[in-house]
Amino acid sequence: MTMNDWRADLRLELEKLVDAAVVVGARQQDVYAAILDEIGQLRLAYERDPDPADSVSEQVIEEPSNNWPAADE
């Protein structure tokens, strides 16, 4: 896939997204504004944690506790 291929795919998917929102009643301008807001949030999240999947695997997962009254029966 060349650089132009992924850009063409991205544009097509964005057009589909905007069209789907407009079909259900959203205004096109509102959809564009919402997309830009979400992109801004994604950028902020990426700046805080560029690879969130790494962070999850570093956390210790605790087993559920059987420390409740009916557990002994």
N, C-alpha and C. Protein backbone atom coordinates (compact mmCIF):
# COMPACT_ATOMS: atom_id res chain seq x y z
N MET A 1 0.85 -1.17 0.00
CA MET A 1 0.00 0.00 0.00
C MET A 1 0.90 1.24 0.00
N THR A 2 0.68 2.10 -0.93
CA THR A 2 1.46 3.33 -1.00
C THR A 2 0.81 4.40 -0.14
N MET A 3 1.51 5.50 0.02
CA MET A 3 0.98 6.58 0.83
C MET A 3 -0.34 7.09 0.27
N ASN A 4 -0.44 7.18 -1.03
CA ASN A 4 -1.68 7.68 -1.63
C ASN A 4 -2.83 6.71 -1.44
N ASP A 5 -2.54 5.41 -1.37
CA ASP A 5 -3.60 4.42 -1.18
C ASP A 5 -4.27 4.60 0.17
N TRP A 6 -3.49 4.72 1.24
CA TRP A 6 -4.12 4.85 2.55
C TRP A 6 -4.84 6.17 2.68
N ARG A 7 -4.33 7.21 2.02
CA ARG A 7 -5.03 8.49 2.07
C ARG A 7 -6.36 8.42 1.33
N ALA A 8 -6.38 7.74 0.20
CA ALA A 8 -7.63 7.57 -0.54
C ALA A 8 -8.63 6.75 0.28
N ASP A 9 -8.14 5.69 0.94
CA ASP A 9 -9.01 4.88 1.79
C ASP A 9 -9.55 5.70 2.96
N LEU A 10 -8.68 6.51 3.55
CA LEU A 10 -9.09 7.36 4.67
C LEU A 10 -10.18 8.34 4.23
N ARG A 11 -9.96 8.97 3.10
CA ARG A 11 -10.95 9.93 2.60
C ARG A 11 -12.30 9.25 2.34
N LEU A 12 -12.25 8.07 1.73
CA LEU A 12 -13.48 7.35 1.43
C LEU A 12 -14.23 6.98 2.72
N GLU A 13 -13.49 6.52 3.73
CA GLU A 13 -14.13 6.16 5.00
C GLU A 13 -14.70 7.39 5.71
N LEU A 14 -13.99 8.50 5.64
CA LEU A 14 -14.52 9.73 6.23
C LEU A 14 -15.79 10.19 5.52
N GLU A 15 -15.79 10.08 4.19
CA GLU A 15 -16.99 10.45 3.44
C GLU A 15 -18.16 9.56 3.84
N LYS A 16 -17.91 8.27 4.01
CA LYS A 16 -18.97 7.35 4.44
C LYS A 16 -19.49 7.72 5.83
N LEU A 17 -18.56 8.05 6.73
CA LEU A 17 -18.93 8.41 8.09
C LEU A 17 -19.81 9.66 8.11
N VAL A 18 -19.38 10.68 7.39
CA VAL A 18 -20.15 11.93 7.33
C VAL A 18 -21.51 11.66 6.70
N ASP A 19 -21.54 10.90 5.61
CA ASP A 19 -22.80 10.61 4.94
C ASP A 19 -23.75 9.86 5.85
N ALA A 20 -23.24 8.88 6.59
CA ALA A 20 -24.10 8.11 7.49
C ALA A 20 -24.70 8.99 8.57
N ALA A 21 -23.92 9.92 9.11
CA ALA A 21 -24.43 10.81 10.14
C ALA A 21 -25.47 11.78 9.57
N VAL A 22 -25.24 12.27 8.38
CA VAL A 22 -26.18 13.20 7.74
C VAL A 22 -27.50 12.49 7.42
N VAL A 23 -27.42 11.25 6.99
CA VAL A 23 -28.62 10.49 6.66
C VAL A 23 -29.53 10.33 7.88
N VAL A 24 -28.94 10.19 9.06
CA VAL A 24 -29.77 10.03 10.26
C VAL A 24 -30.16 11.36 10.89
N GLY A 25 -29.79 12.47 10.26
CA GLY A 25 -30.31 13.76 10.71
C GLY A 25 -29.30 14.78 11.19
N ALA A 26 -28.03 14.44 11.24
CA ALA A 26 -27.03 15.42 11.68
C ALA A 26 -26.74 16.42 10.57
N ARG A 27 -26.37 17.61 10.97
CA ARG A 27 -25.95 18.60 9.97
C ARG A 27 -24.49 18.33 9.61
N GLN A 28 -24.18 18.51 8.34
CA GLN A 28 -22.83 18.23 7.85
C GLN A 28 -21.78 19.04 8.62
N GLN A 29 -22.06 20.31 8.87
CA GLN A 29 -21.12 21.16 9.59
C GLN A 29 -20.87 20.63 11.01
N ASP A 30 -21.93 20.12 11.65
CA ASP A 30 -21.79 19.57 13.01
C ASP A 30 -20.95 18.30 13.00
N VAL A 31 -21.11 17.50 11.97
CA VAL A 31 -20.33 16.26 11.87
C VAL A 31 -18.86 16.60 11.69
N TYR A 32 -18.56 17.55 10.82
CA TYR A 32 -17.16 17.96 10.63
C TYR A 32 -16.57 18.49 11.93
N ALA A 33 -17.33 19.30 12.65
CA ALA A 33 -16.84 19.84 13.92
C ALA A 33 -16.59 18.72 14.93
N ALA A 34 -17.49 17.75 14.98
CA ALA A 34 -17.32 16.64 15.91
C ALA A 34 -16.10 15.80 15.55
N ILE A 35 -15.87 15.59 14.27
CA ILE A 35 -14.69 14.83 13.83
C ILE A 35 -13.42 15.57 14.24
N LEU A 36 -13.39 16.87 14.03
CA LEU A 36 -12.21 17.65 14.42
C LEU A 36 -11.99 17.62 15.93
N ASP A 37 -13.08 17.68 16.71
CA ASP A 37 -12.96 17.59 18.17
C ASP A 37 -12.38 16.24 18.58
N GLU A 38 -12.89 15.18 17.98
CA GLU A 38 -12.40 13.84 18.30
C GLU A 38 -10.94 13.66 17.91
N ILE A 39 -10.54 14.22 16.79
CA ILE A 39 -9.14 14.15 16.38
C ILE A 39 -8.27 14.88 17.39
N GLY A 40 -8.74 16.00 17.88
CA GLY A 40 -8.00 16.73 18.91
C GLY A 40 -7.85 15.89 20.17
N GLN A 41 -8.91 15.20 20.58
CA GLN A 41 -8.85 14.33 21.75
C GLN A 41 -7.89 13.16 21.53
N LEU A 42 -7.92 12.59 20.33
CA LEU A 42 -7.00 11.50 20.01
C LEU A 42 -5.55 11.97 20.07
N ARG A 43 -5.30 13.17 19.57
CA ARG A 43 -3.94 13.71 19.62
C ARG A 43 -3.47 13.88 21.06
N LEU A 44 -4.35 14.42 21.91
CA LEU A 44 -3.99 14.60 23.32
C LEU A 44 -3.72 13.26 23.99
N ALA A 45 -4.56 12.29 23.73
CA ALA A 45 -4.37 10.97 24.32
C ALA A 45 -3.06 10.35 23.85
N TYR A 46 -2.73 10.53 22.58
CA TYR A 46 -1.49 9.98 22.03
C TYR A 46 -0.28 10.66 22.66
N GLU A 47 -0.38 11.96 22.90
CA GLU A 47 0.74 12.68 23.53
C GLU A 47 0.97 12.17 24.94
N ARG A 48 -0.11 11.84 25.66
CA ARG A 48 0.02 11.33 27.03
C ARG A 48 0.54 9.90 27.05
N ASP A 49 0.08 9.06 26.12
CA ASP A 49 0.46 7.65 26.10
C ASP A 49 0.48 7.16 24.66
N PRO A 50 1.65 7.23 24.01
CA PRO A 50 1.73 6.86 22.59
C PRO A 50 1.35 5.41 22.30
N ASP A 51 1.51 4.51 23.27
CA ASP A 51 1.15 3.11 23.04
C ASP A 51 0.40 2.58 24.26
N PRO A 52 -0.91 2.84 24.34
CA PRO A 52 -1.66 2.45 25.53
C PRO A 52 -1.68 0.95 25.76
N ALA A 53 -1.50 0.15 24.74
CA ALA A 53 -1.50 -1.30 24.91
C ALA A 53 -0.35 -1.74 25.81
N ASP A 54 0.79 -1.07 25.75
CA ASP A 54 1.91 -1.42 26.61
C ASP A 54 1.57 -1.19 28.08
N SER A 55 0.86 -0.14 28.36
CA SER A 55 0.52 0.21 29.74
C SER A 55 -0.38 -0.84 30.38
N VAL A 56 -1.30 -1.38 29.63
CA VAL A 56 -2.23 -2.35 30.17
C VAL A 56 -1.50 -3.61 30.60
N SER A 57 -0.57 -4.08 29.79
CA SER A 57 0.13 -5.32 30.11
C SER A 57 1.07 -5.17 31.31
N GLU A 58 1.45 -3.96 31.66
CA GLU A 58 2.32 -3.73 32.78
C GLU A 58 1.57 -3.74 34.11
N GLN A 59 0.25 -3.62 34.06
CA GLN A 59 -0.53 -3.57 35.29
C GLN A 59 -0.73 -4.99 35.84
N VAL A 60 -0.75 -5.09 37.15
CA VAL A 60 -0.98 -6.38 37.80
C VAL A 60 -2.48 -6.61 37.85
N ILE A 61 -2.89 -7.76 37.39
CA ILE A 61 -4.31 -8.11 37.41
C ILE A 61 -4.55 -8.96 38.66
N GLU A 62 -5.41 -8.47 39.53
CA GLU A 62 -5.70 -9.16 40.77
C GLU A 62 -6.84 -10.15 40.56
N GLU A 63 -6.73 -11.27 41.25
CA GLU A 63 -7.78 -12.27 41.19
C GLU A 63 -8.96 -11.81 42.04
N PRO A 64 -10.16 -12.19 41.65
CA PRO A 64 -11.32 -11.80 42.46
C PRO A 64 -11.27 -12.46 43.83
N SER A 65 -11.81 -11.79 44.78
CA SER A 65 -11.79 -12.28 46.16
C SER A 65 -12.99 -13.16 46.45
N ASN A 66 -12.75 -14.22 47.21
CA ASN A 66 -13.86 -15.06 47.69
C ASN A 66 -14.14 -14.74 49.15
N ASN A 67 -13.83 -13.54 49.55
CA ASN A 67 -14.00 -13.13 50.92
C ASN A 67 -15.40 -12.51 51.12
N TRP A 68 -16.41 -13.33 51.00
CA TRP A 68 -17.78 -12.90 51.22
C TRP A 68 -18.50 -14.01 51.98
N PRO A 69 -19.55 -13.72 52.72
CA PRO A 69 -20.16 -14.68 53.65
C PRO A 69 -20.54 -16.03 53.03
N ALA A 70 -21.09 -16.07 51.86
CA ALA A 70 -21.56 -17.33 51.28
C ALA A 70 -20.42 -18.15 50.66
N ALA A 71 -19.21 -17.65 50.60
CA ALA A 71 -18.10 -18.37 49.98
C ALA A 71 -17.69 -19.59 50.78
N ASP A 72 -17.88 -19.59 52.10
CA ASP A 72 -17.47 -20.70 52.95
C ASP A 72 -18.42 -21.88 52.87
N GLU A 73 -19.62 -21.69 52.41
CA GLU A 73 -20.63 -22.75 52.40
C GLU A 73 -20.50 -23.67 51.23
